[in-house]
Amino acid sequence: MFNSNPHLLALVAFLCLLTVPFAEGIQCYQCDSDFDANCPANKPFDDKINALVDCLSDEAHVPGTYCVKREYRSPGWWGWHKVTRRCGTSTGLGSTATCARGMEDQGVAISECTCNTDGCNSSSNIRISLVSVFVFIAFFLML
């Protein structure tokens, strides 16, 4: 019935492989304000001059499935402020769209926000998320 040509079968198999989508991860900003002038801690983040990194590629310093923005602030008049943006692998918070705050040694405040959409760890997107959280909390406090 069906006359199988090995070259034709190989060609069909190859063409089928080409139609399979390649795995692509979430894309996040990746920078550190201590080492990158385009990743300022005390100025607005410019997503037009910073490139997104595929979190499953070799370009990502930390491979992952969500984005992270971490801020450090030291106390006092001469305190410092540092921001890092990167991919992440495990929040430990049970969600990939949250913000957590805490203190490190010598009173350094740390804030870590995680999210799961492309480019969500730019400051403007995180700030909108924080505003939403505060409005949500304020609403329930007024009840």
N, C-alpha and C. Protein backbone atom coordinates (compact mmCIF):
# COMPACT_ATOMS: atom_id res chain seq x y z
N MET A 1 0.82 -1.20 0.00
CA MET A 1 0.00 0.00 0.00
C MET A 1 0.86 1.26 0.00
N PHE A 2 1.59 1.46 1.10
CA PHE A 2 2.40 2.68 1.24
C PHE A 2 3.85 2.33 0.96
N ASN A 3 4.40 2.89 -0.08
CA ASN A 3 5.78 2.63 -0.45
C ASN A 3 6.66 3.60 0.32
N SER A 4 7.40 3.12 1.32
CA SER A 4 8.19 4.00 2.19
C SER A 4 9.58 4.22 1.62
N ASN A 5 9.88 5.47 1.40
CA ASN A 5 11.19 5.90 0.94
C ASN A 5 11.94 6.42 2.18
N PRO A 6 13.09 5.85 2.55
CA PRO A 6 13.77 6.28 3.77
C PRO A 6 14.18 7.75 3.75
N HIS A 7 14.50 8.28 2.59
CA HIS A 7 14.87 9.70 2.50
C HIS A 7 13.66 10.59 2.73
N LEU A 8 12.53 10.18 2.20
CA LEU A 8 11.30 10.94 2.38
C LEU A 8 10.87 10.91 3.85
N LEU A 9 10.98 9.74 4.48
CA LEU A 9 10.64 9.63 5.89
C LEU A 9 11.57 10.49 6.76
N ALA A 10 12.84 10.52 6.44
CA ALA A 10 13.80 11.34 7.19
C ALA A 10 13.46 12.82 7.02
N LEU A 11 13.11 13.22 5.81
CA LEU A 11 12.76 14.62 5.54
C LEU A 11 11.50 15.01 6.31
N VAL A 12 10.49 14.15 6.32
CA VAL A 12 9.25 14.44 7.05
C VAL A 12 9.53 14.54 8.55
N ALA A 13 10.34 13.61 9.07
CA ALA A 13 10.69 13.66 10.49
C ALA A 13 11.44 14.95 10.83
N PHE A 14 12.36 15.37 9.98
CA PHE A 14 13.12 16.60 10.20
C PHE A 14 12.19 17.81 10.19
N LEU A 15 11.27 17.87 9.23
CA LEU A 15 10.33 18.98 9.15
C LEU A 15 9.41 19.02 10.37
N CYS A 16 9.03 17.86 10.88
CA CYS A 16 8.21 17.81 12.09
C CYS A 16 8.98 18.36 13.29
N LEU A 17 10.26 18.06 13.36
CA LEU A 17 11.08 18.58 14.46
C LEU A 17 11.19 20.10 14.40
N LEU A 18 11.21 20.65 13.20
CA LEU A 18 11.30 22.11 13.06
C LEU A 18 10.05 22.82 13.56
N THR A 19 8.92 22.12 13.55
CA THR A 19 7.68 22.76 13.99
C THR A 19 7.50 22.70 15.50
N VAL A 20 8.31 21.91 16.20
CA VAL A 20 8.22 21.83 17.65
C VAL A 20 8.80 23.11 18.24
N PRO A 21 8.05 23.83 19.07
CA PRO A 21 8.58 25.08 19.63
C PRO A 21 9.73 24.79 20.59
N PHE A 22 10.73 25.64 20.53
CA PHE A 22 11.85 25.51 21.44
C PHE A 22 11.46 26.08 22.79
N ALA A 23 12.00 25.51 23.85
CA ALA A 23 11.71 25.99 25.20
C ALA A 23 12.27 27.40 25.37
N GLU A 24 11.44 28.28 25.85
CA GLU A 24 11.87 29.65 26.10
C GLU A 24 11.35 30.05 27.46
N GLY A 25 12.21 30.63 28.26
CA GLY A 25 11.82 30.99 29.60
C GLY A 25 11.30 32.41 29.69
N ILE A 26 10.96 32.78 30.88
CA ILE A 26 10.55 34.15 31.16
C ILE A 26 11.74 35.08 30.91
N GLN A 27 11.47 36.29 30.53
CA GLN A 27 12.53 37.27 30.28
C GLN A 27 12.50 38.33 31.37
N CYS A 28 13.66 38.53 32.00
CA CYS A 28 13.77 39.46 33.12
C CYS A 28 14.94 40.41 32.89
N TYR A 29 14.91 41.53 33.59
CA TYR A 29 16.07 42.42 33.61
C TYR A 29 17.09 41.84 34.58
N GLN A 30 18.36 42.00 34.23
CA GLN A 30 19.44 41.45 35.04
C GLN A 30 20.52 42.52 35.17
N CYS A 31 20.66 43.07 36.38
CA CYS A 31 21.69 44.09 36.60
C CYS A 31 21.90 44.28 38.09
N ASP A 32 22.97 44.98 38.42
CA ASP A 32 23.34 45.26 39.81
C ASP A 32 23.80 46.72 39.87
N SER A 33 23.15 47.52 40.70
CA SER A 33 23.47 48.95 40.75
C SER A 33 24.90 49.23 41.21
N ASP A 34 25.54 48.28 41.89
CA ASP A 34 26.93 48.47 42.30
C ASP A 34 27.90 48.41 41.13
N PHE A 35 27.51 47.72 40.06
CA PHE A 35 28.44 47.48 38.96
C PHE A 35 27.96 48.01 37.61
N ASP A 36 26.71 48.45 37.51
CA ASP A 36 26.13 48.83 36.23
C ASP A 36 25.47 50.20 36.33
N ALA A 37 26.00 51.17 35.59
CA ALA A 37 25.46 52.53 35.61
C ALA A 37 24.05 52.59 35.04
N ASN A 38 23.66 51.61 34.22
CA ASN A 38 22.31 51.57 33.66
C ASN A 38 21.31 50.92 34.59
N CYS A 39 21.73 50.62 35.80
CA CYS A 39 20.87 49.98 36.80
C CYS A 39 20.92 50.83 38.08
N PRO A 40 20.47 52.07 38.02
CA PRO A 40 20.63 52.97 39.16
C PRO A 40 19.74 52.59 40.34
N ALA A 41 20.25 52.84 41.52
CA ALA A 41 19.47 52.59 42.74
C ALA A 41 18.66 53.82 43.14
N ASN A 42 19.16 55.01 42.82
CA ASN A 42 18.52 56.25 43.28
C ASN A 42 17.88 57.06 42.17
N LYS A 43 17.74 56.45 40.99
CA LYS A 43 17.08 57.10 39.85
C LYS A 43 16.11 56.10 39.23
N PRO A 44 15.19 56.59 38.42
CA PRO A 44 14.26 55.66 37.76
C PRO A 44 15.00 54.69 36.83
N PHE A 45 14.56 53.46 36.79
CA PHE A 45 15.11 52.43 35.92
C PHE A 45 14.59 52.66 34.51
N ASP A 46 15.48 52.65 33.52
CA ASP A 46 15.10 52.89 32.13
C ASP A 46 15.07 51.55 31.40
N ASP A 47 13.87 51.04 31.15
CA ASP A 47 13.77 49.75 30.48
C ASP A 47 14.06 49.83 28.98
N LYS A 48 14.28 51.04 28.47
CA LYS A 48 14.60 51.19 27.05
C LYS A 48 16.10 51.00 26.78
N ILE A 49 16.94 51.19 27.80
CA ILE A 49 18.38 51.01 27.60
C ILE A 49 18.91 49.73 28.24
N ASN A 50 18.04 48.99 28.91
CA ASN A 50 18.41 47.72 29.52
C ASN A 50 17.73 46.59 28.76
N ALA A 51 18.49 45.54 28.47
CA ALA A 51 17.96 44.42 27.70
C ALA A 51 17.39 43.35 28.62
N LEU A 52 16.37 42.70 28.14
CA LEU A 52 15.81 41.55 28.85
C LEU A 52 16.68 40.33 28.60
N VAL A 53 16.75 39.43 29.57
CA VAL A 53 17.53 38.21 29.47
C VAL A 53 16.57 37.03 29.59
N ASP A 54 16.70 36.05 28.70
CA ASP A 54 15.92 34.83 28.80
C ASP A 54 16.46 34.02 29.98
N CYS A 55 15.61 33.76 30.96
CA CYS A 55 16.05 33.12 32.20
C CYS A 55 16.46 31.66 32.04
N LEU A 56 16.20 31.06 30.91
CA LEU A 56 16.64 29.69 30.67
C LEU A 56 17.88 29.64 29.78
N SER A 57 18.41 30.80 29.42
CA SER A 57 19.58 30.85 28.55
C SER A 57 20.87 30.91 29.37
N ASP A 58 21.98 30.77 28.68
CA ASP A 58 23.30 30.88 29.32
C ASP A 58 23.59 32.31 29.76
N GLU A 59 22.86 33.27 29.22
CA GLU A 59 23.05 34.67 29.58
C GLU A 59 22.64 34.99 31.01
N ALA A 60 21.68 34.23 31.52
CA ALA A 60 21.16 34.47 32.87
C ALA A 60 22.20 34.06 33.90
N HIS A 61 22.53 34.97 34.83
CA HIS A 61 23.47 34.63 35.90
C HIS A 61 22.90 33.56 36.81
N VAL A 62 21.59 33.66 37.05
CA VAL A 62 20.86 32.65 37.85
C VAL A 62 19.70 32.19 36.98
N PRO A 63 19.73 30.94 36.49
CA PRO A 63 18.59 30.47 35.69
C PRO A 63 17.34 30.44 36.56
N GLY A 64 16.18 30.61 35.94
CA GLY A 64 14.98 30.60 36.76
C GLY A 64 13.70 30.67 35.97
N THR A 65 12.61 30.73 36.72
CA THR A 65 11.27 30.72 36.13
C THR A 65 10.45 31.95 36.53
N TYR A 66 11.07 32.90 37.20
CA TYR A 66 10.40 34.15 37.56
C TYR A 66 11.45 35.25 37.71
N CYS A 67 11.00 36.49 37.87
CA CYS A 67 11.89 37.64 37.99
C CYS A 67 11.96 38.12 39.43
N VAL A 68 13.10 38.72 39.78
CA VAL A 68 13.32 39.21 41.14
C VAL A 68 13.88 40.64 41.06
N LYS A 69 13.40 41.48 41.95
CA LYS A 69 14.02 42.79 42.18
C LYS A 69 14.28 42.86 43.68
N ARG A 70 15.54 43.06 44.04
CA ARG A 70 15.93 43.10 45.45
C ARG A 70 16.56 44.46 45.74
N GLU A 71 16.11 45.10 46.81
CA GLU A 71 16.66 46.40 47.24
C GLU A 71 17.23 46.29 48.64
N TYR A 72 18.37 46.92 48.83
CA TYR A 72 19.02 47.00 50.14
C TYR A 72 19.16 48.47 50.50
N ARG A 73 18.85 48.82 51.74
CA ARG A 73 19.03 50.19 52.22
C ARG A 73 19.68 50.14 53.59
N SER A 74 20.79 50.86 53.72
CA SER A 74 21.43 50.93 55.03
C SER A 74 20.86 52.12 55.79
N PRO A 75 20.85 52.05 57.11
CA PRO A 75 20.27 53.14 57.90
C PRO A 75 21.23 54.32 58.01
N GLY A 76 20.68 55.44 58.46
CA GLY A 76 21.52 56.60 58.76
C GLY A 76 21.59 57.61 57.64
N TRP A 77 22.14 58.77 58.00
CA TRP A 77 22.26 59.90 57.08
C TRP A 77 23.13 59.55 55.87
N TRP A 78 24.22 58.82 56.10
CA TRP A 78 25.15 58.47 55.02
C TRP A 78 24.90 57.06 54.50
N GLY A 79 23.69 56.57 54.67
CA GLY A 79 23.36 55.21 54.24
C GLY A 79 23.45 55.03 52.73
N TRP A 80 23.49 53.82 52.32
CA TRP A 80 23.59 53.49 50.90
C TRP A 80 22.35 52.72 50.46
N HIS A 81 22.18 52.65 49.16
CA HIS A 81 21.02 52.00 48.55
C HIS A 81 21.53 51.16 47.38
N LYS A 82 21.15 49.90 47.32
CA LYS A 82 21.59 49.01 46.25
C LYS A 82 20.38 48.29 45.68
N VAL A 83 20.36 48.07 44.35
CA VAL A 83 19.29 47.35 43.68
C VAL A 83 19.89 46.27 42.79
N THR A 84 19.32 45.07 42.86
CA THR A 84 19.69 44.02 41.91
C THR A 84 18.42 43.50 41.25
N ARG A 85 18.55 43.20 39.99
CA ARG A 85 17.46 42.59 39.22
C ARG A 85 18.02 41.33 38.59
N ARG A 86 17.23 40.25 38.63
CA ARG A 86 17.72 38.98 38.10
C ARG A 86 16.58 37.98 37.93
N CYS A 87 16.92 36.81 37.43
CA CYS A 87 15.98 35.69 37.38
C CYS A 87 16.02 34.99 38.73
N GLY A 88 15.01 34.21 39.03
CA GLY A 88 14.96 33.51 40.30
C GLY A 88 14.47 32.08 40.14
N THR A 89 14.80 31.24 41.11
CA THR A 89 14.43 29.83 41.03
C THR A 89 13.45 29.38 42.09
N SER A 90 13.47 29.96 43.28
CA SER A 90 12.56 29.53 44.33
C SER A 90 12.33 30.68 45.30
N THR A 91 11.07 31.07 45.49
CA THR A 91 10.79 32.21 46.36
C THR A 91 10.78 31.83 47.82
N GLY A 92 10.34 30.63 48.13
CA GLY A 92 10.18 30.25 49.53
C GLY A 92 8.97 30.94 50.15
N LEU A 93 8.25 31.74 49.37
CA LEU A 93 7.08 32.47 49.88
C LEU A 93 5.77 31.82 49.42
N GLY A 94 5.86 30.80 48.57
CA GLY A 94 4.66 30.13 48.10
C GLY A 94 3.98 30.81 46.94
N SER A 95 4.53 31.89 46.43
CA SER A 95 3.95 32.60 45.31
C SER A 95 5.06 33.27 44.53
N THR A 96 4.80 33.53 43.26
CA THR A 96 5.81 34.21 42.45
C THR A 96 5.38 35.63 42.08
N ALA A 97 4.48 36.20 42.83
CA ALA A 97 4.07 37.58 42.59
C ALA A 97 3.86 38.26 43.94
N THR A 98 4.94 38.35 44.71
CA THR A 98 4.83 38.90 46.06
C THR A 98 6.02 39.80 46.37
N CYS A 99 5.88 40.53 47.44
CA CYS A 99 6.99 41.32 47.98
C CYS A 99 7.15 40.97 49.45
N ALA A 100 8.40 40.86 49.87
CA ALA A 100 8.69 40.58 51.28
C ALA A 100 9.74 41.57 51.75
N ARG A 101 9.64 41.96 53.01
CA ARG A 101 10.61 42.90 53.59
C ARG A 101 11.20 42.27 54.84
N GLY A 102 12.44 42.67 55.13
CA GLY A 102 13.10 42.16 56.32
C GLY A 102 14.32 43.00 56.65
N MET A 103 15.05 42.57 57.65
CA MET A 103 16.27 43.26 58.08
C MET A 103 17.43 42.28 58.06
N GLU A 104 18.57 42.79 57.63
CA GLU A 104 19.80 42.02 57.67
C GLU A 104 20.67 42.57 58.79
N ASP A 105 21.89 42.09 58.86
CA ASP A 105 22.83 42.54 59.87
C ASP A 105 23.01 44.06 59.85
N GLN A 106 23.21 44.64 61.00
CA GLN A 106 23.49 46.05 61.19
C GLN A 106 22.38 46.95 60.66
N GLY A 107 21.14 46.47 60.70
CA GLY A 107 19.99 47.29 60.36
C GLY A 107 19.76 47.52 58.88
N VAL A 108 20.40 46.76 58.01
CA VAL A 108 20.18 46.93 56.57
C VAL A 108 18.81 46.37 56.21
N ALA A 109 17.96 47.22 55.65
CA ALA A 109 16.62 46.81 55.25
C ALA A 109 16.70 46.17 53.87
N ILE A 110 16.00 45.06 53.71
CA ILE A 110 15.97 44.37 52.42
C ILE A 110 14.52 44.21 51.99
N SER A 111 14.28 44.44 50.71
CA SER A 111 12.97 44.25 50.12
C SER A 111 13.16 43.41 48.87
N GLU A 112 12.40 42.33 48.76
CA GLU A 112 12.50 41.47 47.58
C GLU A 112 11.12 41.27 46.99
N CYS A 113 11.00 41.64 45.73
CA CYS A 113 9.74 41.45 45.01
C CYS A 113 9.97 40.45 43.89
N THR A 114 9.04 39.52 43.74
CA THR A 114 9.11 38.52 42.68
C THR A 114 7.85 38.64 41.83
N CYS A 115 8.00 38.27 40.56
CA CYS A 115 6.87 38.36 39.63
C CYS A 115 7.10 37.36 38.50
N ASN A 116 6.08 37.10 37.71
CA ASN A 116 6.18 36.04 36.72
C ASN A 116 5.72 36.42 35.32
N THR A 117 5.93 37.67 34.93
CA THR A 117 5.67 38.09 33.55
C THR A 117 6.93 38.74 33.00
N ASP A 118 7.10 38.69 31.70
CA ASP A 118 8.29 39.24 31.06
C ASP A 118 8.51 40.71 31.44
N GLY A 119 9.72 41.02 31.89
CA GLY A 119 10.10 42.39 32.20
C GLY A 119 9.46 42.97 33.44
N CYS A 120 8.87 42.15 34.28
CA CYS A 120 8.14 42.67 35.43
C CYS A 120 9.04 43.17 36.56
N ASN A 121 10.35 42.95 36.49
CA ASN A 121 11.23 43.42 37.56
C ASN A 121 11.87 44.77 37.26
N SER A 122 11.28 45.51 36.33
CA SER A 122 11.67 46.92 36.19
C SER A 122 10.97 47.67 37.32
N SER A 123 11.51 48.79 37.72
CA SER A 123 10.96 49.47 38.90
C SER A 123 9.52 49.92 38.71
N SER A 124 9.17 50.38 37.52
CA SER A 124 7.82 50.90 37.34
C SER A 124 6.77 49.81 37.53
N ASN A 125 7.03 48.60 37.03
CA ASN A 125 6.07 47.51 37.20
C ASN A 125 5.98 47.07 38.65
N ILE A 126 7.10 46.97 39.32
CA ILE A 126 7.11 46.57 40.73
C ILE A 126 6.40 47.63 41.56
N ARG A 127 6.67 48.90 41.26
CA ARG A 127 6.04 49.98 42.02
C ARG A 127 4.53 49.91 41.89
N ILE A 128 4.02 49.62 40.69
CA ILE A 128 2.58 49.50 40.50
C ILE A 128 2.06 48.35 41.34
N SER A 129 2.79 47.25 41.39
CA SER A 129 2.36 46.11 42.20
C SER A 129 2.32 46.49 43.68
N LEU A 130 3.32 47.24 44.15
CA LEU A 130 3.35 47.65 45.55
C LEU A 130 2.18 48.57 45.87
N VAL A 131 1.87 49.48 44.97
CA VAL A 131 0.74 50.38 45.18
C VAL A 131 -0.54 49.55 45.28
N SER A 132 -0.68 48.56 44.42
CA SER A 132 -1.87 47.71 44.48
C SER A 132 -1.97 46.99 45.82
N VAL A 133 -0.85 46.50 46.32
CA VAL A 133 -0.84 45.82 47.61
C VAL A 133 -1.25 46.78 48.73
N PHE A 134 -0.70 47.99 48.74
CA PHE A 134 -1.04 48.96 49.78
C PHE A 134 -2.51 49.38 49.71
N VAL A 135 -3.04 49.56 48.51
CA VAL A 135 -4.45 49.90 48.36
C VAL A 135 -5.32 48.75 48.87
N PHE A 136 -4.93 47.53 48.55
CA PHE A 136 -5.66 46.35 49.01
C PHE A 136 -5.66 46.29 50.54
N ILE A 137 -4.52 46.50 51.18
CA ILE A 137 -4.41 46.47 52.64
C ILE A 137 -5.22 47.60 53.26
N ALA A 138 -5.10 48.80 52.69
CA ALA A 138 -5.85 49.94 53.21
C ALA A 138 -7.36 49.70 53.13
N PHE A 139 -7.80 49.09 52.05
CA PHE A 139 -9.22 48.79 51.89
C PHE A 139 -9.71 47.89 53.01
N PHE A 140 -8.95 46.83 53.34
CA PHE A 140 -9.37 45.92 54.39
C PHE A 140 -9.23 46.53 55.78
N LEU A 141 -8.33 47.46 55.97
CA LEU A 141 -8.22 48.13 57.26
C LEU A 141 -9.40 49.06 57.50
N MET A 142 -9.97 49.58 56.43
CA MET A 142 -11.11 50.49 56.57
C MET A 142 -12.40 49.73 56.87
N LEU A 143 -12.45 48.44 56.64
CA LEU A 143 -13.68 47.66 56.88
C LEU A 143 -13.98 47.49 58.34
